[in-house]
Amino acid sequence: MNKPQTLPRIKVCGLTRLEHAMVALHAGAQAFGFVLHAPSLRAVTVSEAQEIAGSLPASMPKVAVLVHATPAHARTTLDSESLNWVQLCGSQQPEDWVSFPFPVLRRIPVDGSGSQQLRDWRGIADGFVLDHPTSPGGSGLAVDWNLAHDLSKQAPCLLAGGLSADNVERAILQARPAGVDASSQLETSPGIKSPALITSFARSAQQAFRGLPS
């Protein structure tokens, strides 16, 4: 079993440029995601992700987002100096990831199968990313926040799916996640983040989390 990790309150995913990662850092993001899946419009190479991640604080999660990856492949991608967490999307099986040496986030669809998948990965994943069931991530589609709330009560979860500065406060207050994760709604075009949208999203999320009961 992995050493228990505290999930970040704010994760910005799909980063492709160092300057946008630094904007996210200064806006209050606590985790940074890099999509290592070539079909994605936000895909970067391992070396590009490592270069950006290596410029961010070592103590913060820099997350390699992998689709259908094996543990052996993931181990070649992660290291303690740059990419130091993995987010699993796709067909991975929980028994293959027992004792994986880096923190694991598991994407869970917010639908009728979510609870069972969460139970299957409990004790193996350090946390879960609740996202729309139609794609591995980055769809820009909002999830059912009431169902996300039910899942968030079962384990530490990051809420994803179409989050922006305009809706993240309502999403947090309704779903009560441990944190939030945004990508496509912070962009001016696929893979190109907007500093203004990153900043306004982070500020709105911080305000909402301050409003939650302790």
Protein backbone atom coordinates (compact mmCIF):
# COMPACT_ATOMS: atom_id res chain seq x y z
CA MET A 1 0.00 0.00 0.00
CA ASN A 2 1.21 3.50 -0.77
CA LYS A 3 2.09 5.88 2.00
CA PRO A 4 -1.06 8.01 2.53
CA GLN A 5 -0.86 11.37 0.80
CA THR A 6 -2.69 14.61 1.42
CA LEU A 7 -4.48 15.60 -1.76
CA PRO A 8 -3.95 19.08 -3.16
CA ARG A 9 -6.78 21.57 -2.98
CA ILE A 10 -6.15 22.92 -6.50
CA LYS A 11 -4.68 21.02 -9.45
CA VAL A 12 -4.17 22.54 -12.89
CA CYS A 13 -3.88 19.86 -15.55
CA GLY A 14 -2.94 19.68 -19.21
CA LEU A 15 -0.02 22.07 -18.84
CA THR A 16 2.20 22.45 -21.89
CA ARG A 17 4.25 25.56 -21.11
CA LEU A 18 6.45 26.54 -18.19
CA GLU A 19 5.08 30.08 -18.02
CA HIS A 20 1.55 28.75 -17.47
CA ALA A 21 2.75 26.36 -14.77
CA MET A 22 4.38 29.29 -12.99
CA VAL A 23 1.17 31.32 -13.23
CA ALA A 24 -0.68 28.39 -11.66
CA LEU A 25 1.92 28.13 -8.90
CA HIS A 26 1.72 31.82 -8.02
CA ALA A 27 -2.09 31.74 -8.19
CA GLY A 28 -2.17 29.05 -5.50
CA ALA A 29 -2.25 25.74 -7.36
CA GLN A 30 -0.78 22.91 -5.33
CA ALA A 31 -0.49 20.26 -8.07
CA PHE A 32 0.31 20.28 -11.77
CA GLY A 33 -0.71 17.73 -14.39
CA PHE A 34 1.00 16.75 -17.63
CA VAL A 35 -0.80 14.61 -20.19
CA LEU A 36 1.49 11.92 -21.60
CA HIS A 37 -1.01 10.51 -24.07
CA ALA A 38 -0.28 11.34 -27.70
CA PRO A 39 -3.89 11.50 -28.98
CA SER A 40 -4.68 14.29 -26.52
CA LEU A 41 -4.68 17.87 -27.75
CA ARG A 42 -2.78 18.68 -24.54
CA ALA A 43 -0.13 15.99 -24.90
CA VAL A 44 3.50 16.70 -24.11
CA THR A 45 6.50 14.41 -24.34
CA VAL A 46 8.06 12.95 -21.23
CA SER A 47 11.10 15.20 -21.62
CA GLU A 48 8.93 18.30 -22.03
CA ALA A 49 6.92 17.41 -18.94
CA GLN A 50 10.06 16.69 -16.92
CA GLU A 51 11.60 20.00 -17.93
CA ILE A 52 8.56 21.99 -16.81
CA ALA A 53 8.02 19.93 -13.66
CA GLY A 54 11.67 20.24 -12.69
CA SER A 55 11.22 24.00 -12.38
CA LEU A 56 8.39 23.64 -9.86
CA PRO A 57 8.79 23.08 -6.10
CA ALA A 58 10.03 19.57 -5.37
CA SER A 59 7.50 19.09 -2.56
CA MET A 60 4.46 19.61 -4.79
CA PRO A 61 2.74 16.90 -6.86
CA LYS A 62 3.77 16.99 -10.51
CA VAL A 63 1.45 14.44 -12.04
CA ALA A 64 2.07 12.28 -15.11
CA VAL A 65 -1.35 11.56 -16.61
CA LEU A 66 -1.19 8.13 -18.28
CA VAL A 67 -3.82 6.25 -20.27
CA HIS A 68 -3.71 2.41 -20.33
CA ALA A 69 -0.13 2.47 -19.01
CA THR A 70 1.55 -0.44 -17.23
CA PRO A 71 3.43 -0.02 -13.94
CA ALA A 72 6.69 -0.75 -15.77
CA HIS A 73 6.05 2.06 -18.22
CA ALA A 74 5.04 4.43 -15.42
CA ARG A 75 8.26 3.72 -13.52
CA THR A 76 10.31 4.85 -16.54
CA THR A 77 8.41 8.15 -16.55
CA LEU A 78 8.44 9.13 -12.88
CA ASP A 79 11.31 10.28 -10.70
CA SER A 80 11.67 12.15 -7.44
CA GLU A 81 13.15 15.26 -9.09
CA SER A 82 10.37 16.14 -11.54
CA LEU A 83 7.33 13.95 -12.23
CA ASN A 84 6.53 12.43 -8.86
CA TRP A 85 2.85 11.34 -8.99
CA VAL A 86 0.91 9.32 -11.55
CA GLN A 87 -2.73 9.66 -12.59
CA LEU A 88 -4.15 6.50 -14.12
CA CYS A 89 -6.87 6.68 -16.75
CA GLY A 90 -8.14 3.72 -18.70
CA SER A 91 -7.87 -0.03 -18.40
CA GLN A 92 -5.34 -0.43 -15.57
CA GLN A 93 -6.17 -3.10 -13.00
CA PRO A 94 -5.72 -2.32 -9.30
CA GLU A 95 -3.86 -5.51 -8.43
CA ASP A 96 -1.04 -4.52 -10.80
CA TRP A 97 -0.38 -1.32 -8.85
CA VAL A 98 -0.04 -2.69 -5.33
CA SER A 99 3.09 -1.19 -3.71
CA PHE A 100 3.77 1.12 -6.67
CA PRO A 101 6.56 3.37 -5.35
CA PHE A 102 4.95 6.72 -6.27
CA PRO A 103 1.62 8.25 -5.23
CA VAL A 104 -1.26 7.17 -7.45
CA LEU A 105 -4.39 9.07 -8.47
CA ARG A 106 -7.08 6.97 -10.14
CA ARG A 107 -9.62 8.51 -12.48
CA ILE A 108 -13.15 7.43 -11.58
CA PRO A 109 -16.18 8.06 -13.81
CA VAL A 110 -19.02 9.89 -12.13
CA ASP A 111 -21.70 7.36 -13.04
CA GLY A 112 -23.24 4.17 -11.72
CA SER A 113 -19.92 2.31 -11.83
CA GLY A 114 -17.98 4.88 -9.83
CA SER A 115 -18.58 3.44 -6.36
CA GLN A 116 -17.45 -0.05 -7.31
CA GLN A 117 -14.33 1.24 -9.06
CA LEU A 118 -13.52 3.35 -6.04
CA ARG A 119 -13.84 0.31 -3.77
CA ASP A 120 -11.64 -1.75 -6.10
CA TRP A 121 -8.84 0.83 -5.91
CA ARG A 122 -9.18 1.72 -2.23
CA GLY A 123 -5.89 1.18 -0.42
CA ILE A 124 -3.97 1.19 -3.71
CA ALA A 125 -4.70 4.66 -5.03
CA ASP A 126 -3.82 7.60 -2.78
CA GLY A 127 -6.80 9.50 -4.11
CA PHE A 128 -9.30 9.70 -6.94
CA VAL A 129 -10.13 12.09 -9.77
CA LEU A 130 -13.87 12.29 -10.41
CA ASP A 131 -14.45 13.03 -14.08
CA HIS A 132 -17.02 12.73 -16.84
CA PRO A 133 -17.49 9.14 -18.01
CA THR A 134 -17.25 9.90 -21.74
CA SER A 135 -13.46 10.22 -22.02
CA PRO A 136 -10.20 9.69 -20.10
CA GLY A 137 -10.22 13.40 -19.24
CA GLY A 138 -10.19 16.91 -20.64
CA SER A 139 -13.68 16.62 -22.12
CA GLY A 140 -14.82 19.93 -20.66
CA LEU A 141 -18.10 18.30 -19.61
CA ALA A 142 -19.44 18.85 -16.11
CA VAL A 143 -20.31 15.87 -13.95
CA ASP A 144 -23.28 15.25 -11.68
CA TRP A 145 -22.15 17.11 -8.56
CA ASN A 146 -24.63 15.28 -6.31
CA LEU A 147 -23.23 11.92 -7.38
CA ALA A 148 -19.72 13.34 -7.02
CA HIS A 149 -20.61 14.28 -3.44
CA ASP A 150 -21.61 10.67 -2.73
CA LEU A 151 -18.24 9.47 -4.07
CA SER A 152 -16.32 12.15 -2.19
CA LYS A 153 -17.76 10.91 1.08
CA GLN A 154 -16.20 7.49 0.45
CA ALA A 155 -12.57 8.51 -0.19
CA PRO A 156 -10.37 11.55 -0.84
CA CYS A 157 -11.31 12.86 -4.29
CA LEU A 158 -10.44 15.66 -6.67
CA LEU A 159 -13.44 16.93 -8.60
CA ALA A 160 -12.85 17.44 -12.32
CA GLY A 161 -15.06 17.90 -15.36
CA GLY A 162 -15.73 21.28 -16.95
CA LEU A 163 -14.63 23.36 -13.97
CA SER A 164 -13.99 27.07 -14.41
CA ALA A 165 -13.96 30.23 -12.35
CA ASP A 166 -17.66 30.59 -13.11
CA ASN A 167 -18.77 27.29 -11.60
CA VAL A 168 -16.04 26.01 -9.29
CA GLU A 169 -17.43 27.64 -6.17
CA ARG A 170 -20.85 26.05 -6.68
CA ALA A 171 -19.20 22.73 -7.53
CA ILE A 172 -17.13 22.71 -4.34
CA LEU A 173 -20.03 23.67 -2.10
CA GLN A 174 -22.23 20.97 -3.63
CA ALA A 175 -19.77 18.10 -4.14
CA ARG A 176 -17.51 18.78 -1.12
CA PRO A 177 -14.37 17.26 -2.70
CA ALA A 178 -10.91 17.25 -1.15
CA GLY A 179 -9.76 19.33 -4.11
CA VAL A 180 -10.51 20.38 -7.67
CA ASP A 181 -8.81 19.69 -10.99
CA ALA A 182 -9.25 21.86 -14.10
CA SER A 183 -7.85 21.84 -17.61
CA SER A 184 -9.88 22.62 -20.74
CA GLN A 185 -11.90 25.49 -19.26
CA LEU A 186 -8.67 27.36 -18.43
CA GLU A 187 -7.60 27.54 -22.08
CA THR A 188 -7.79 29.95 -24.99
CA SER A 189 -7.19 27.01 -27.37
CA PRO A 190 -6.44 23.32 -26.76
CA GLY A 191 -3.25 23.06 -24.73
CA ILE A 192 -2.78 26.81 -24.39
CA LYS A 193 -3.73 28.02 -20.92
CA SER A 194 -4.90 31.54 -20.15
CA PRO A 195 -3.08 33.19 -17.23
CA ALA A 196 -6.22 35.18 -16.42
CA LEU A 197 -8.44 32.09 -16.39
CA ILE A 198 -5.96 30.12 -14.26
CA THR A 199 -5.77 32.93 -11.73
CA SER A 200 -9.50 33.53 -11.50
CA PHE A 201 -10.17 29.79 -11.17
CA ALA A 202 -7.65 29.40 -8.36
CA ARG A 203 -9.00 32.40 -6.48
CA SER A 204 -12.61 31.21 -6.78
CA ALA A 205 -11.64 27.73 -5.60
CA GLN A 206 -9.71 29.09 -2.62
CA GLN A 207 -12.68 31.22 -1.60
CA ALA A 208 -15.03 28.26 -1.82
CA PHE A 209 -12.80 25.99 0.26
CA ARG A 210 -12.54 28.69 2.93
CA GLY A 211 -16.34 28.66 3.09
CA LEU A 212 -16.63 24.94 3.77
CA PRO A 213 -17.17 23.84 7.37
CA SER A 214 -13.99 22.49 8.95
